[in-house]
Every structure is written in structure tokens, then in C-alpha cells.
mmCIF file of all heavy atoms, coordinates in Angstrom:
data_MODEL
# 
_entry.id   MODEL 
# 
loop_
_atom_site.group_PDB 
_atom_site.id 
_atom_site.type_symbol 
_atom_site.label_atom_id 
_atom_site.label_alt_id 
_atom_site.label_comp_id 
_atom_site.label_asym_id 
_atom_site.label_entity_id 
_atom_site.label_seq_id 
_atom_site.pdbx_PDB_ins_code 
_atom_site.Cartn_x 
_atom_site.Cartn_y 
_atom_site.Cartn_z 
_atom_site.occupancy 
_atom_site.B_iso_or_equiv 
_atom_site.pdbx_formal_charge 
_atom_site.auth_seq_id 
_atom_site.auth_comp_id 
_atom_site.auth_asym_id 
_atom_site.auth_atom_id 
_atom_site.pdbx_PDB_model_num 
ATOM 1   N N   . GLY A 1 1  ? -102.718 179.400 269.518 1.00 0.00 ? 1  GLY A N   1 
ATOM 2   C CA  . GLY A 1 1  ? -102.586 178.242 268.646 1.00 0.00 ? 1  GLY A CA  1 
ATOM 3   C C   . GLY A 1 1  ? -103.111 176.982 269.301 1.00 0.00 ? 1  GLY A C   1 
ATOM 4   O O   . GLY A 1 1  ? -103.781 177.025 270.330 1.00 0.00 ? 1  GLY A O   1 
ATOM 5   N N   . GLY A 1 2  ? -102.819 175.824 268.685 1.00 0.00 ? 2  GLY A N   1 
ATOM 6   C CA  . GLY A 1 2  ? -103.301 174.594 269.281 1.00 0.00 ? 2  GLY A CA  1 
ATOM 7   C C   . GLY A 1 2  ? -103.085 173.373 268.403 1.00 0.00 ? 2  GLY A C   1 
ATOM 8   O O   . GLY A 1 2  ? -102.536 173.461 267.303 1.00 0.00 ? 2  GLY A O   1 
ATOM 9   N N   . THR A 1 3  ? -103.519 172.238 268.921 1.00 0.00 ? 3  THR A N   1 
ATOM 10  C CA  . THR A 1 3  ? -103.439 170.960 268.214 1.00 0.00 ? 3  THR A CA  1 
ATOM 11  C C   . THR A 1 3  ? -104.747 170.696 267.478 1.00 0.00 ? 3  THR A C   1 
ATOM 12  O O   . THR A 1 3  ? -105.814 170.684 268.103 1.00 0.00 ? 3  THR A O   1 
ATOM 13  C CB  . THR A 1 3  ? -103.194 169.811 269.214 1.00 0.00 ? 3  THR A CB  1 
ATOM 14  O OG1 . THR A 1 3  ? -101.986 170.048 269.932 1.00 0.00 ? 3  THR A OG1 1 
ATOM 15  C CG2 . THR A 1 3  ? -103.107 168.474 268.498 1.00 0.00 ? 3  THR A CG2 1 
ATOM 16  N N   . TRP A 1 4  ? -104.676 170.504 266.161 1.00 0.00 ? 4  TRP A N   1 
ATOM 17  C CA  . TRP A 1 4  ? -105.874 170.150 265.385 1.00 0.00 ? 4  TRP A CA  1 
ATOM 18  C C   . TRP A 1 4  ? -106.118 168.653 265.603 1.00 0.00 ? 4  TRP A C   1 
ATOM 19  O O   . TRP A 1 4  ? -105.532 167.810 264.928 1.00 0.00 ? 4  TRP A O   1 
ATOM 20  C CB  . TRP A 1 4  ? -105.650 170.443 263.916 1.00 0.00 ? 4  TRP A CB  1 
ATOM 21  C CG  . TRP A 1 4  ? -105.516 171.904 263.584 1.00 0.00 ? 4  TRP A CG  1 
ATOM 22  C CD1 . TRP A 1 4  ? -105.504 172.951 264.452 1.00 0.00 ? 4  TRP A CD1 1 
ATOM 23  C CD2 . TRP A 1 4  ? -105.365 172.479 262.275 1.00 0.00 ? 4  TRP A CD2 1 
ATOM 24  N NE1 . TRP A 1 4  ? -105.356 174.142 263.775 1.00 0.00 ? 4  TRP A NE1 1 
ATOM 25  C CE2 . TRP A 1 4  ? -105.275 173.884 262.446 1.00 0.00 ? 4  TRP A CE2 1 
ATOM 26  C CE3 . TRP A 1 4  ? -105.307 171.947 260.998 1.00 0.00 ? 4  TRP A CE3 1 
ATOM 27  C CZ2 . TRP A 1 4  ? -105.115 174.750 261.369 1.00 0.00 ? 4  TRP A CZ2 1 
ATOM 28  C CZ3 . TRP A 1 4  ? -105.156 172.811 259.919 1.00 0.00 ? 4  TRP A CZ3 1 
ATOM 29  C CH2 . TRP A 1 4  ? -105.065 174.198 260.106 1.00 0.00 ? 4  TRP A CH2 1 
ATOM 30  N N   . VAL A 1 5  ? -106.980 168.336 266.538 1.00 0.00 ? 5  VAL A N   1 
ATOM 31  C CA  . VAL A 1 5  ? -107.090 166.957 267.008 1.00 0.00 ? 5  VAL A CA  1 
ATOM 32  C C   . VAL A 1 5  ? -107.742 166.028 265.991 1.00 0.00 ? 5  VAL A C   1 
ATOM 33  O O   . VAL A 1 5  ? -107.622 164.801 266.113 1.00 0.00 ? 5  VAL A O   1 
ATOM 34  C CB  . VAL A 1 5  ? -107.860 166.896 268.346 1.00 0.00 ? 5  VAL A CB  1 
ATOM 35  C CG1 . VAL A 1 5  ? -107.109 167.656 269.430 1.00 0.00 ? 5  VAL A CG1 1 
ATOM 36  C CG2 . VAL A 1 5  ? -109.289 167.424 268.211 1.00 0.00 ? 5  VAL A CG2 1 
ATOM 37  N N   . ASN A 1 6  ? -108.434 166.576 265.000 1.00 0.00 ? 6  ASN A N   1 
ATOM 38  C CA  . ASN A 1 6  ? -109.088 165.726 263.995 1.00 0.00 ? 6  ASN A CA  1 
ATOM 39  C C   . ASN A 1 6  ? -108.320 165.685 262.680 1.00 0.00 ? 6  ASN A C   1 
ATOM 40  O O   . ASN A 1 6  ? -108.855 165.230 261.666 1.00 0.00 ? 6  ASN A O   1 
ATOM 41  C CB  . ASN A 1 6  ? -110.524 166.203 263.745 1.00 0.00 ? 6  ASN A CB  1 
ATOM 42  C CG  . ASN A 1 6  ? -110.586 167.619 263.185 1.00 0.00 ? 6  ASN A CG  1 
ATOM 43  O OD1 . ASN A 1 6  ? -109.735 168.458 263.480 1.00 0.00 ? 6  ASN A OD1 1 
ATOM 44  N ND2 . ASN A 1 6  ? -111.609 167.904 262.393 1.00 0.00 ? 6  ASN A ND2 1 
ATOM 45  N N   . VAL A 1 7  ? -107.061 166.112 262.702 1.00 0.00 ? 7  VAL A N   1 
ATOM 46  C CA  . VAL A 1 7  ? -106.213 166.047 261.515 1.00 0.00 ? 7  VAL A CA  1 
ATOM 47  C C   . VAL A 1 7  ? -105.115 165.029 261.785 1.00 0.00 ? 7  VAL A C   1 
ATOM 48  O O   . VAL A 1 7  ? -104.337 165.177 262.737 1.00 0.00 ? 7  VAL A O   1 
ATOM 49  C CB  . VAL A 1 7  ? -105.611 167.433 261.192 1.00 0.00 ? 7  VAL A CB  1 
ATOM 50  C CG1 . VAL A 1 7  ? -104.638 167.346 260.021 1.00 0.00 ? 7  VAL A CG1 1 
ATOM 51  C CG2 . VAL A 1 7  ? -106.730 168.430 260.886 1.00 0.00 ? 7  VAL A CG2 1 
ATOM 52  N N   . GLU A 1 8  ? -105.046 163.988 260.972 1.00 0.00 ? 8  GLU A N   1 
ATOM 53  C CA  . GLU A 1 8  ? -104.213 162.824 261.281 1.00 0.00 ? 8  GLU A CA  1 
ATOM 54  C C   . GLU A 1 8  ? -102.739 163.157 261.471 1.00 0.00 ? 8  GLU A C   1 
ATOM 55  O O   . GLU A 1 8  ? -102.079 162.606 262.338 1.00 0.00 ? 8  GLU A O   1 
ATOM 56  C CB  . GLU A 1 8  ? -104.362 161.772 260.175 1.00 0.00 ? 8  GLU A CB  1 
ATOM 57  C CG  . GLU A 1 8  ? -105.694 161.031 260.203 1.00 0.00 ? 8  GLU A CG  1 
ATOM 58  C CD  . GLU A 1 8  ? -105.728 159.890 259.215 1.00 0.00 ? 8  GLU A CD  1 
ATOM 59  O OE1 . GLU A 1 8  ? -104.664 159.583 258.630 1.00 0.00 ? 8  GLU A OE1 1 
ATOM 60  O OE2 . GLU A 1 8  ? -106.802 159.295 259.026 1.00 0.00 ? 8  GLU A OE2 1 
ATOM 61  N N   . GLU A 1 9  ? -102.187 164.057 260.682 1.00 0.00 ? 9  GLU A N   1 
ATOM 62  C CA  . GLU A 1 9  ? -100.752 164.298 260.757 1.00 0.00 ? 9  GLU A CA  1 
ATOM 63  C C   . GLU A 1 9  ? -100.341 165.182 261.934 1.00 0.00 ? 9  GLU A C   1 
ATOM 64  O O   . GLU A 1 9  ? -99.157  165.417 262.162 1.00 0.00 ? 9  GLU A O   1 
ATOM 65  C CB  . GLU A 1 9  ? -100.244 164.923 259.453 1.00 0.00 ? 9  GLU A CB  1 
ATOM 66  C CG  . GLU A 1 9  ? -100.893 166.253 259.079 1.00 0.00 ? 9  GLU A CG  1 
ATOM 67  C CD  . GLU A 1 9  ? -102.075 166.070 258.142 1.00 0.00 ? 9  GLU A CD  1 
ATOM 68  O OE1 . GLU A 1 9  ? -102.681 164.981 258.165 1.00 0.00 ? 9  GLU A OE1 1 
ATOM 69  O OE2 . GLU A 1 9  ? -102.376 167.018 257.406 1.00 0.00 ? 9  GLU A OE2 1 
ATOM 70  N N   . GLN A 1 10 ? -101.315 165.656 262.684 1.00 0.00 ? 10 GLN A N   1 
ATOM 71  C CA  . GLN A 1 10 ? -101.007 166.485 263.846 1.00 0.00 ? 10 GLN A CA  1 
ATOM 72  C C   . GLN A 1 10 ? -100.528 165.612 265.006 1.00 0.00 ? 10 GLN A C   1 
ATOM 73  O O   . GLN A 1 10 ? -101.136 164.582 265.310 1.00 0.00 ? 10 GLN A O   1 
ATOM 74  C CB  . GLN A 1 10 ? -102.242 167.267 264.291 1.00 0.00 ? 10 GLN A CB  1 
ATOM 75  C CG  . GLN A 1 10 ? -102.617 168.396 263.345 1.00 0.00 ? 10 GLN A CG  1 
ATOM 76  C CD  . GLN A 1 10 ? -101.814 169.656 263.622 1.00 0.00 ? 10 GLN A CD  1 
ATOM 77  O OE1 . GLN A 1 10 ? -101.924 170.274 264.663 1.00 0.00 ? 10 GLN A OE1 1 
ATOM 78  N NE2 . GLN A 1 10 ? -101.011 170.040 262.642 1.00 0.00 ? 10 GLN A NE2 1 
ATOM 79  N N   . SER A 1 11 ? -99.417  165.997 265.634 1.00 0.00 ? 11 SER A N   1 
ATOM 80  C CA  . SER A 1 11 ? -98.944  165.280 266.814 1.00 0.00 ? 11 SER A CA  1 
ATOM 81  C C   . SER A 1 11 ? -99.411  166.011 268.069 1.00 0.00 ? 11 SER A C   1 
ATOM 82  O O   . SER A 1 11 ? -99.575  167.228 268.063 1.00 0.00 ? 11 SER A O   1 
ATOM 83  C CB  . SER A 1 11 ? -97.419  165.176 266.806 1.00 0.00 ? 11 SER A CB  1 
ATOM 84  O OG  . SER A 1 11 ? -96.833  166.465 266.766 1.00 0.00 ? 11 SER A OG  1 
ATOM 85  N N   . PHE A 1 12 ? -99.634  165.248 269.136 1.00 0.00 ? 12 PHE A N   1 
ATOM 86  C CA  . PHE A 1 12 ? -100.085 165.824 270.388 1.00 0.00 ? 12 PHE A CA  1 
ATOM 87  C C   . PHE A 1 12 ? -98.896  166.285 271.221 1.00 0.00 ? 12 PHE A C   1 
ATOM 88  O O   . PHE A 1 12 ? -97.764  165.842 271.025 1.00 0.00 ? 12 PHE A O   1 
ATOM 89  C CB  . PHE A 1 12 ? -100.915 164.803 271.163 1.00 0.00 ? 12 PHE A CB  1 
ATOM 90  C CG  . PHE A 1 12 ? -102.333 164.650 270.655 1.00 0.00 ? 12 PHE A CG  1 
ATOM 91  C CD1 . PHE A 1 12 ? -102.588 164.104 269.403 1.00 0.00 ? 12 PHE A CD1 1 
ATOM 92  C CD2 . PHE A 1 12 ? -103.404 165.059 271.430 1.00 0.00 ? 12 PHE A CD2 1 
ATOM 93  C CE1 . PHE A 1 12 ? -103.880 163.955 268.929 1.00 0.00 ? 12 PHE A CE1 1 
ATOM 94  C CE2 . PHE A 1 12 ? -104.708 164.920 270.977 1.00 0.00 ? 12 PHE A CE2 1 
ATOM 95  C CZ  . PHE A 1 12 ? -104.949 164.376 269.723 1.00 0.00 ? 12 PHE A CZ  1 
ATOM 96  N N   . LEU A 1 13 ? -99.158  167.181 272.169 1.00 0.00 ? 13 LEU A N   1 
ATOM 97  C CA  . LEU A 1 13 ? -98.115  167.769 272.996 1.00 0.00 ? 13 LEU A CA  1 
ATOM 98  C C   . LEU A 1 13 ? -97.916  167.038 274.314 1.00 0.00 ? 13 LEU A C   1 
ATOM 99  O O   . LEU A 1 13 ? -96.792  166.841 274.754 1.00 0.00 ? 13 LEU A O   1 
ATOM 100 C CB  . LEU A 1 13 ? -98.454  169.243 273.282 1.00 0.00 ? 13 LEU A CB  1 
ATOM 101 C CG  . LEU A 1 13 ? -98.620  170.150 272.059 1.00 0.00 ? 13 LEU A CG  1 
ATOM 102 C CD1 . LEU A 1 13 ? -99.098  171.533 272.499 1.00 0.00 ? 13 LEU A CD1 1 
ATOM 103 C CD2 . LEU A 1 13 ? -97.318  170.255 271.285 1.00 0.00 ? 13 LEU A CD2 1 
ATOM 104 N N   . ALA A 1 14 ? -99.008  166.659 274.980 1.00 0.00 ? 14 ALA A N   1 
ATOM 105 C CA  . ALA A 1 14 ? -98.914  165.996 276.277 1.00 0.00 ? 14 ALA A CA  1 
ATOM 106 C C   . ALA A 1 14 ? -98.331  164.600 276.101 1.00 0.00 ? 14 ALA A C   1 
ATOM 107 O O   . ALA A 1 14 ? -98.693  163.888 275.154 1.00 0.00 ? 14 ALA A O   1 
ATOM 108 C CB  . ALA A 1 14 ? -100.292 165.914 276.933 1.00 0.00 ? 14 ALA A CB  1 
ATOM 109 N N   . PRO A 1 15 ? -97.445  164.155 276.994 1.00 0.00 ? 15 PRO A N   1 
ATOM 110 C CA  . PRO A 1 15 ? -96.818  162.837 276.818 1.00 0.00 ? 15 PRO A CA  1 
ATOM 111 C C   . PRO A 1 15 ? -97.802  161.680 276.901 1.00 0.00 ? 15 PRO A C   1 
ATOM 112 O O   . PRO A 1 15 ? -97.508  160.585 276.414 1.00 0.00 ? 15 PRO A O   1 
ATOM 113 C CB  . PRO A 1 15 ? -95.798  162.778 277.962 1.00 0.00 ? 15 PRO A CB  1 
ATOM 114 C CG  . PRO A 1 15 ? -96.285  163.754 278.974 1.00 0.00 ? 15 PRO A CG  1 
ATOM 115 C CD  . PRO A 1 15 ? -96.942  164.852 278.190 1.00 0.00 ? 15 PRO A CD  1 
ATOM 116 N N   . TYR A 1 16 ? -98.975  161.896 277.495 1.00 0.00 ? 16 TYR A N   1 
ATOM 117 C CA  . TYR A 1 16 ? -99.960  160.822 277.643 1.00 0.00 ? 16 TYR A CA  1 
ATOM 118 C C   . TYR A 1 16 ? -101.082 160.896 276.623 1.00 0.00 ? 16 TYR A C   1 
ATOM 119 O O   . TYR A 1 16 ? -102.010 160.076 276.651 1.00 0.00 ? 16 TYR A O   1 
ATOM 120 C CB  . TYR A 1 16 ? -100.548 160.828 279.058 1.00 0.00 ? 16 TYR A CB  1 
ATOM 121 C CG  . TYR A 1 16 ? -100.958 162.186 279.564 1.00 0.00 ? 16 TYR A CG  1 
ATOM 122 C CD1 . TYR A 1 16 ? -102.197 162.731 279.274 1.00 0.00 ? 16 TYR A CD1 1 
ATOM 123 C CD2 . TYR A 1 16 ? -100.086 162.933 280.350 1.00 0.00 ? 16 TYR A CD2 1 
ATOM 124 C CE1 . TYR A 1 16 ? -102.570 163.980 279.735 1.00 0.00 ? 16 TYR A CE1 1 
ATOM 125 C CE2 . TYR A 1 16 ? -100.437 164.182 280.824 1.00 0.00 ? 16 TYR A CE2 1 
ATOM 126 C CZ  . TYR A 1 16 ? -101.677 164.705 280.518 1.00 0.00 ? 16 TYR A CZ  1 
ATOM 127 O OH  . TYR A 1 16 ? -102.035 165.941 280.971 1.00 0.00 ? 16 TYR A OH  1 
ATOM 128 N N   . LEU A 1 17 ? -101.023 161.849 275.716 1.00 0.00 ? 17 LEU A N   1 
ATOM 129 C CA  . LEU A 1 17 ? -102.048 161.965 274.684 1.00 0.00 ? 17 LEU A CA  1 
ATOM 130 C C   . LEU A 1 17 ? -101.471 161.652 273.315 1.00 0.00 ? 17 LEU A C   1 
ATOM 131 O O   . LEU A 1 17 ? -100.310 161.956 273.046 1.00 0.00 ? 17 LEU A O   1 
ATOM 132 C CB  . LEU A 1 17 ? -102.644 163.386 274.675 1.00 0.00 ? 17 LEU A CB  1 
ATOM 133 C CG  . LEU A 1 17 ? -103.506 163.757 275.875 1.00 0.00 ? 17 LEU A CG  1 
ATOM 134 C CD1 . LEU A 1 17 ? -103.972 165.206 275.754 1.00 0.00 ? 17 LEU A CD1 1 
ATOM 135 C CD2 . LEU A 1 17 ? -104.708 162.836 276.011 1.00 0.00 ? 17 LEU A CD2 1 
ATOM 136 N N   . PRO A 1 18 ? -102.273 161.012 272.451 1.00 0.00 ? 18 PRO A N   1 
ATOM 137 C CA  . PRO A 1 18 ? -103.678 160.642 272.617 1.00 0.00 ? 18 PRO A CA  1 
ATOM 138 C C   . PRO A 1 18 ? -103.904 159.283 273.284 1.00 0.00 ? 18 PRO A C   1 
ATOM 139 O O   . PRO A 1 18 ? -105.039 158.877 273.471 1.00 0.00 ? 18 PRO A O   1 
ATOM 140 C CB  . PRO A 1 18 ? -104.187 160.606 271.186 1.00 0.00 ? 18 PRO A CB  1 
ATOM 141 C CG  . PRO A 1 18 ? -103.006 160.139 270.395 1.00 0.00 ? 18 PRO A CG  1 
ATOM 142 C CD  . PRO A 1 18 ? -101.800 160.763 271.070 1.00 0.00 ? 18 PRO A CD  1 
ATOM 143 N N   . ALA A 1 19 ? -102.816 158.565 273.666 1.00 0.00 ? 19 ALA A N   1 
ATOM 144 C CA  . ALA A 1 19 ? -102.966 157.186 274.136 1.00 0.00 ? 19 ALA A CA  1 
ATOM 145 C C   . ALA A 1 19 ? -103.872 157.080 275.357 1.00 0.00 ? 19 ALA A C   1 
ATOM 146 O O   . ALA A 1 19 ? -104.620 156.103 275.498 1.00 0.00 ? 19 ALA A O   1 
ATOM 147 C CB  . ALA A 1 19 ? -101.589 156.605 274.454 1.00 0.00 ? 19 ALA A CB  1 
ATOM 148 N N   . ALA A 1 20 ? -103.811 158.069 276.256 1.00 0.00 ? 20 ALA A N   1 
ATOM 149 C CA  . ALA A 1 20 ? -104.618 157.993 277.487 1.00 0.00 ? 20 ALA A CA  1 
ATOM 150 C C   . ALA A 1 20 ? -106.078 158.337 277.244 1.00 0.00 ? 20 ALA A C   1 
ATOM 151 O O   . ALA A 1 20 ? -106.889 158.253 278.160 1.00 0.00 ? 20 ALA A O   1 
ATOM 152 C CB  . ALA A 1 20 ? -104.040 158.918 278.550 1.00 0.00 ? 20 ALA A CB  1 
ATOM 153 N N   . LEU A 1 21 ? -106.409 158.705 276.030 1.00 0.00 ? 21 LEU A N   1 
ATOM 154 C CA  . LEU A 1 21 ? -107.784 159.086 275.692 1.00 0.00 ? 21 LEU A CA  1 
ATOM 155 C C   . LEU A 1 21 ? -108.202 158.327 274.431 1.00 0.00 ? 21 LEU A C   1 
ATOM 156 O O   . LEU A 1 21 ? -108.404 158.922 273.362 1.00 0.00 ? 21 LEU A O   1 
ATOM 157 C CB  . LEU A 1 21 ? -107.853 160.596 275.468 1.00 0.00 ? 21 LEU A CB  1 
ATOM 158 C CG  . LEU A 1 21 ? -109.218 161.290 275.597 1.00 0.00 ? 21 LEU A CG  1 
ATOM 159 C CD1 . LEU A 1 21 ? -109.858 160.994 276.938 1.00 0.00 ? 21 LEU A CD1 1 
ATOM 160 C CD2 . LEU A 1 21 ? -109.060 162.785 275.411 1.00 0.00 ? 21 LEU A CD2 1 
ATOM 161 N N   . PRO A 1 22 ? -108.330 156.992 274.532 1.00 0.00 ? 22 PRO A N   1 
ATOM 162 C CA  . PRO A 1 22 ? -108.597 156.190 273.333 1.00 0.00 ? 22 PRO A CA  1 
ATOM 163 C C   . PRO A 1 22 ? -109.957 156.468 272.708 1.00 0.00 ? 22 PRO A C   1 
ATOM 164 O O   . PRO A 1 22 ? -110.138 156.289 271.502 1.00 0.00 ? 22 PRO A O   1 
ATOM 165 C CB  . PRO A 1 22 ? -108.511 154.753 273.849 1.00 0.00 ? 22 PRO A CB  1 
ATOM 166 C CG  . PRO A 1 22 ? -108.764 154.846 275.315 1.00 0.00 ? 22 PRO A CG  1 
ATOM 167 C CD  . PRO A 1 22 ? -108.195 156.159 275.741 1.00 0.00 ? 22 PRO A CD  1 
ATOM 168 N N   . HIS A 1 23 ? -110.917 156.904 273.519 1.00 0.00 ? 23 HIS A N   1 
ATOM 169 C CA  . HIS A 1 23 ? -112.249 157.226 273.010 1.00 0.00 ? 23 HIS A CA  1 
ATOM 170 C C   . HIS A 1 23 ? -112.702 158.523 273.677 1.00 0.00 ? 23 HIS A C   1 
ATOM 171 O O   . HIS A 1 23 ? -112.786 158.584 274.904 1.00 0.00 ? 23 HIS A O   1 
ATOM 172 C CB  . HIS A 1 23 ? -113.244 156.103 273.311 1.00 0.00 ? 23 HIS A CB  1 
ATOM 173 C CG  . HIS A 1 23 ? -112.796 154.758 272.826 1.00 0.00 ? 23 HIS A CG  1 
ATOM 174 N ND1 . HIS A 1 23 ? -112.776 154.418 271.489 1.00 0.00 ? 23 HIS A ND1 1 
ATOM 175 C CD2 . HIS A 1 23 ? -112.318 153.687 273.505 1.00 0.00 ? 23 HIS A CD2 1 
ATOM 176 C CE1 . HIS A 1 23 ? -112.331 153.187 271.362 1.00 0.00 ? 23 HIS A CE1 1 
ATOM 177 N NE2 . HIS A 1 23 ? -112.039 152.718 272.574 1.00 0.00 ? 23 HIS A NE2 1 
ATOM 178 N N   . ALA A 1 24 ? -112.975 159.519 272.873 1.00 0.00 ? 24 ALA A N   1 
ATOM 179 C CA  . ALA A 1 24 ? -113.383 160.803 273.450 1.00 0.00 ? 24 ALA A CA  1 
ATOM 180 C C   . ALA A 1 24 ? -114.213 161.569 272.437 1.00 0.00 ? 24 ALA A C   1 
ATOM 181 O O   . ALA A 1 24 ? -114.040 161.433 271.213 1.00 0.00 ? 24 ALA A O   1 
ATOM 182 C CB  . ALA A 1 24 ? -112.165 161.629 273.844 1.00 0.00 ? 24 ALA A CB  1 
ATOM 183 N N   . ASP A 1 25 ? -115.111 162.374 272.961 1.00 0.00 ? 25 ASP A N   1 
ATOM 184 C CA  . ASP A 1 25 ? -115.906 163.264 272.124 1.00 0.00 ? 25 ASP A CA  1 
ATOM 185 C C   . ASP A 1 25 ? -115.347 164.670 272.178 1.00 0.00 ? 25 ASP A C   1 
ATOM 186 O O   . ASP A 1 25 ? -114.788 165.105 273.201 1.00 0.00 ? 25 ASP A O   1 
ATOM 187 C CB  . ASP A 1 25 ? -117.362 163.292 272.604 1.00 0.00 ? 25 ASP A CB  1 
ATOM 188 C CG  . ASP A 1 25 ? -118.115 162.013 272.264 1.00 0.00 ? 25 ASP A CG  1 
ATOM 189 O OD1 . ASP A 1 25 ? -117.694 161.313 271.323 1.00 0.00 ? 25 ASP A OD1 1 
ATOM 190 O OD2 . ASP A 1 25 ? -119.117 161.727 272.933 1.00 0.00 ? 25 ASP A OD2 1 
ATOM 191 N N   . ALA A 1 26 ? -115.522 165.379 271.092 1.00 0.00 ? 26 ALA A N   1 
ATOM 192 C CA  . ALA A 1 26 ? -115.159 166.790 271.017 1.00 0.00 ? 26 ALA A CA  1 
ATOM 193 C C   . ALA A 1 26 ? -116.419 167.632 271.131 1.00 0.00 ? 26 ALA A C   1 
ATOM 194 O O   . ALA A 1 26 ? -117.483 167.259 270.610 1.00 0.00 ? 26 ALA A O   1 
ATOM 195 C CB  . ALA A 1 26 ? -114.446 167.093 269.700 1.00 0.00 ? 26 ALA A CB  1 
ATOM 196 N N   . TYR A 1 27 ? -116.298 168.761 271.808 1.00 0.00 ? 27 TYR A N   1 
ATOM 197 C CA  . TYR A 1 27 ? -117.398 169.700 271.984 1.00 0.00 ? 27 TYR A CA  1 
ATOM 198 C C   . TYR A 1 27 ? -116.903 171.094 271.651 1.00 0.00 ? 27 TYR A C   1 
ATOM 199 O O   . TYR A 1 27 ? -115.795 171.486 272.060 1.00 0.00 ? 27 TYR A O   1 
ATOM 200 C CB  . TYR A 1 27 ? -117.904 169.707 273.430 1.00 0.00 ? 27 TYR A CB  1 
ATOM 201 C CG  . TYR A 1 27 ? -118.460 168.398 273.921 1.00 0.00 ? 27 TYR A CG  1 
ATOM 202 C CD1 . TYR A 1 27 ? -117.606 167.378 274.346 1.00 0.00 ? 27 TYR A CD1 1 
ATOM 203 C CD2 . TYR A 1 27 ? -119.831 168.171 273.986 1.00 0.00 ? 27 TYR A CD2 1 
ATOM 204 C CE1 . TYR A 1 27 ? -118.105 166.168 274.820 1.00 0.00 ? 27 TYR A CE1 1 
ATOM 205 C CE2 . TYR A 1 27 ? -120.343 166.962 274.450 1.00 0.00 ? 27 TYR A CE2 1 
ATOM 206 C CZ  . TYR A 1 27 ? -119.480 165.968 274.865 1.00 0.00 ? 27 TYR A CZ  1 
ATOM 207 O OH  . TYR A 1 27 ? -119.980 164.779 275.329 1.00 0.00 ? 27 TYR A OH  1 
ATOM 208 N N   . LEU A 1 28 ? -117.712 171.854 270.940 1.00 0.00 ? 28 LEU A N   1 
ATOM 209 C CA  . LEU A 1 28 ? -117.384 173.258 270.708 1.00 0.00 ? 28 LEU A CA  1 
ATOM 210 C C   . LEU A 1 28 ? -117.690 174.070 271.964 1.00 0.00 ? 28 LEU A C   1 
ATOM 211 O O   . LEU A 1 28 ? -118.365 173.606 272.890 1.00 0.00 ? 28 LEU A O   1 
ATOM 212 C CB  . LEU A 1 28 ? -118.190 173.797 269.526 1.00 0.00 ? 28 LEU A CB  1 
ATOM 213 C CG  . LEU A 1 28 ? -117.928 173.144 268.168 1.00 0.00 ? 28 LEU A CG  1 
ATOM 214 C CD1 . LEU A 1 28 ? -118.787 173.810 267.089 1.00 0.00 ? 28 LEU A CD1 1 
ATOM 215 C CD2 . LEU A 1 28 ? -116.444 173.219 267.794 1.00 0.00 ? 28 LEU A CD2 1 
ATOM 216 N N   . LEU A 1 29 ? -117.200 175.299 271.999 1.00 0.00 ? 29 LEU A N   1 
ATOM 217 C CA  . LEU A 1 29 ? -117.412 176.139 273.175 1.00 0.00 ? 29 LEU A CA  1 
ATOM 218 C C   . LEU A 1 29 ? -118.888 176.414 273.429 1.00 0.00 ? 29 LEU A C   1 
ATOM 219 O O   . LEU A 1 29 ? -119.289 176.633 274.578 1.00 0.00 ? 29 LEU A O   1 
ATOM 220 C CB  . LEU A 1 29 ? -116.662 177.467 273.034 1.00 0.00 ? 29 LEU A CB  1 
ATOM 221 C CG  . LEU A 1 29 ? -115.132 177.409 272.899 1.00 0.00 ? 29 LEU A CG  1 
ATOM 222 C CD1 . LEU A 1 29 ? -114.545 178.805 273.066 1.00 0.00 ? 29 LEU A CD1 1 
ATOM 223 C CD2 . LEU A 1 29 ? -114.502 176.439 273.879 1.00 0.00 ? 29 LEU A CD2 1 
# 
């Protein structure tokens, strides 16, 4: 499973995310 990072209602698991990553790109495998 995982966090759908581009879906607004999804909450992140790590205590520092998403705040510690204000700007980031996503890459497929």
C-alpha cells in the first residue's frame, strides 16, 4: 500500500511530511 501523494484528502505518515518537502517532483520507477 501507500500514500497517494497527489490526492488532497490523503494524509502523510511521516511526522515531517509534507511540511519538510514544500516543493518536490514525483518520478515513476
